[in-house]
Each structure stands twice: as structure tokens, then as C-alpha cells.
Amino acid sequence: MTTTRTRPVLTLTDLAACCSPTTGRVLGQSEAERLAGVLKALAEPNRLRLVSMIAANDAAGATCVCDLIEPLGLSQPTVSHHLKVLTDAGLLAREQRGKWAYYALVPAALAAAAAAITPGPAADG
């Protein structure tokens, strides 16, 4: 004896829910490329730790590169390279004070990256 399986039939209401138009904000090509650069800069464990350390010291206003080397256990040139990548991505601001560089978060850049990938209603405009 052979049995045949049949697929369940979708009702029109199920079909409408499946194919409903997008109601949230969708990234454009250039915005997606820019955001990918930011996320790529963050997608490295030492860089995430640097952002975390600088954020933890935010009350001081800025963090000296000299205070970031030992906790990471990396050489000064390596830490400086990671900080440059984060600065080039727009996540950190750099200020030279004598021979030392000080870094601070750019809160708007972090907020924009988070907002771009956070579900929500479409922006008016």
C-alpha cells in the first residue's frame, strides 16, 4: 500500500502575512557599506576590549594610550594600530597631548551603528 502526503494549504490570511511589505527602515547600499566598515572595525576582540576600556573610563573624558597597553598585553604599536582602525571607522576621537594620544568614544557613532541594526518602525521623512 502506498500513501501520499499532501502539503497543508495556506489560507489567504497566511499568505498575506508571509508576503507583507517591509514596514521597517532598510539600509541603502552606501549606508550598508559604511556600517559594514564600522562593524568590521569592531569585529576583533582586542578592539572590542579597547572600546570597552575607553567606555569604562568615559567619566575622565579621554583615555591615554599609555593606559591601554598593559591591560591588553599587546605592544604599543599594536595597540596604536587597533586604535587607528577604530578612529578611522569614526568610533573614537583622538587628541594629541604632548607625546601621548588620548582617545574618547564618539557616542553618536556607536548609537548610529546600533540604531541601524535595531528593529523598529520606519523613519519619517
Protein backbone atom coordinates (compact mmCIF):
# COMPACT_ATOMS: atom_id res chain seq x y z
CA MET A 1 0.00 0.00 0.00
CA THR A 2 1.34 3.44 -0.99
CA THR A 3 0.49 6.54 0.96
CA THR A 4 0.69 10.01 -0.47
CA ARG A 5 1.39 13.00 1.72
CA THR A 6 -0.23 16.27 0.90
CA ARG A 7 1.07 19.67 1.84
CA PRO A 8 -1.06 21.87 4.05
CA VAL A 9 -2.92 24.54 2.16
CA LEU A 10 -2.14 28.14 3.12
CA THR A 11 -5.16 30.28 3.65
CA LEU A 12 -5.19 33.77 2.16
CA THR A 13 -4.56 35.32 5.57
CA ASP A 14 -1.43 33.17 5.99
CA LEU A 15 -0.26 34.12 2.52
CA ALA A 16 -0.79 37.83 3.23
CA ALA A 17 1.25 37.59 6.44
CA CYS A 18 4.02 35.79 4.57
CA CYS A 19 4.25 38.34 1.79
CA SER A 20 3.52 41.56 3.66
CA PRO A 21 5.62 44.55 2.64
CA THR A 22 8.55 45.67 4.77
CA THR A 23 7.49 48.26 7.31
CA GLY A 24 10.87 48.93 8.92
CA ARG A 25 13.76 51.03 7.71
CA VAL A 26 16.05 49.34 5.18
CA LEU A 27 19.69 50.35 4.71
CA GLY A 28 20.72 51.79 1.39
CA GLN A 29 23.85 50.49 -0.36
CA SER A 30 26.22 53.28 0.74
CA GLU A 31 24.89 53.23 4.31
CA ALA A 32 25.31 49.42 4.43
CA GLU A 33 28.89 49.73 3.20
CA ARG A 34 29.67 52.40 5.81
CA LEU A 35 28.08 50.34 8.59
CA ALA A 36 29.96 47.23 7.43
CA GLY A 37 33.21 49.18 7.87
CA VAL A 38 32.23 50.15 11.41
CA LEU A 39 31.19 46.60 12.29
CA LYS A 40 34.38 45.22 10.72
CA ALA A 41 36.41 47.55 12.94
CA LEU A 42 34.53 46.25 15.97
CA ALA A 43 34.71 42.60 14.88
CA GLU A 44 38.07 42.00 16.52
CA PRO A 45 38.32 41.01 20.21
CA ASN A 46 41.13 43.43 21.13
CA ARG A 47 39.27 46.33 19.52
CA LEU A 48 36.11 45.45 21.40
CA ARG A 49 38.14 45.40 24.60
CA LEU A 50 39.63 48.80 23.75
CA VAL A 51 36.16 50.28 23.19
CA SER A 52 35.05 48.73 26.48
CA MET A 53 38.04 50.14 28.39
CA ILE A 54 37.59 53.60 26.92
CA ALA A 55 33.84 53.48 27.68
CA ALA A 56 34.57 52.41 31.27
CA ASN A 57 36.84 55.45 31.64
CA ASP A 58 34.37 57.82 29.96
CA ALA A 59 33.99 59.93 33.12
CA ALA A 60 37.62 61.02 32.72
CA GLY A 61 36.78 62.41 29.27
CA ALA A 62 39.56 60.61 27.40
CA THR A 63 41.92 57.71 27.93
CA CYS A 64 45.66 57.84 27.29
CA VAL A 65 47.06 55.17 25.02
CA CYS A 66 49.64 54.51 27.75
CA ASP A 67 46.82 53.22 30.00
CA LEU A 68 45.60 50.75 27.38
CA ILE A 69 48.78 48.84 26.62
CA GLU A 70 49.27 46.79 29.80
CA PRO A 71 45.65 45.62 30.25
CA LEU A 72 45.62 44.27 26.68
CA GLY A 73 49.02 42.66 26.95
CA LEU A 74 49.94 43.88 23.49
CA SER A 75 52.80 46.04 22.27
CA GLN A 76 52.32 49.80 21.97
CA PRO A 77 52.47 49.72 18.13
CA THR A 78 49.79 47.01 18.02
CA VAL A 79 47.51 48.92 20.40
CA SER A 80 48.06 52.09 18.37
CA HIS A 81 47.15 50.21 15.18
CA HIS A 82 43.89 48.98 16.70
CA LEU A 83 43.09 52.49 17.95
CA LYS A 84 43.75 53.89 14.47
CA VAL A 85 41.32 51.39 12.92
CA LEU A 86 38.64 52.38 15.45
CA THR A 87 39.35 56.08 14.89
CA ASP A 88 39.23 55.71 11.09
CA ALA A 89 35.86 53.96 11.48
CA GLY A 90 34.60 57.03 13.34
CA LEU A 91 34.11 55.24 16.66
CA LEU A 92 36.85 57.07 18.55
CA ALA A 93 38.11 60.64 18.63
CA ARG A 94 41.85 61.18 19.05
CA GLU A 95 43.53 64.12 20.75
CA GLN A 96 47.29 64.63 20.89
CA ARG A 97 48.60 65.92 24.24
CA GLY A 98 52.35 66.25 24.11
CA LYS A 99 53.80 62.88 23.16
CA TRP A 100 50.70 60.93 24.20
CA ALA A 101 47.47 60.37 22.32
CA TYR A 102 44.16 60.36 24.21
CA TYR A 103 41.05 58.60 22.94
CA ALA A 104 37.36 59.14 23.63
CA LEU A 105 34.28 57.40 22.31
CA VAL A 106 32.12 59.08 19.71
CA PRO A 107 28.72 58.24 21.24
CA ALA A 108 26.77 59.27 18.14
CA ALA A 109 28.74 56.77 16.01
CA LEU A 110 28.01 53.91 18.39
CA ALA A 111 24.35 54.92 18.63
CA ALA A 112 24.02 55.16 14.83
CA ALA A 113 25.55 51.70 14.37
CA ALA A 114 23.21 50.21 16.96
CA ALA A 115 20.16 52.01 15.56
CA ALA A 116 20.88 50.80 12.02
CA ILE A 117 20.53 47.17 13.08
CA THR A 118 17.86 47.55 15.75
CA PRO A 119 14.34 46.59 14.65
CA GLY A 120 11.92 49.47 14.71
CA PRO A 121 9.44 51.50 12.70
CA ALA A 122 10.44 53.22 9.51
CA ALA A 123 11.82 56.70 9.94
CA ASP A 124 9.57 59.54 8.88
CA GLY A 125 10.90 61.63 6.09
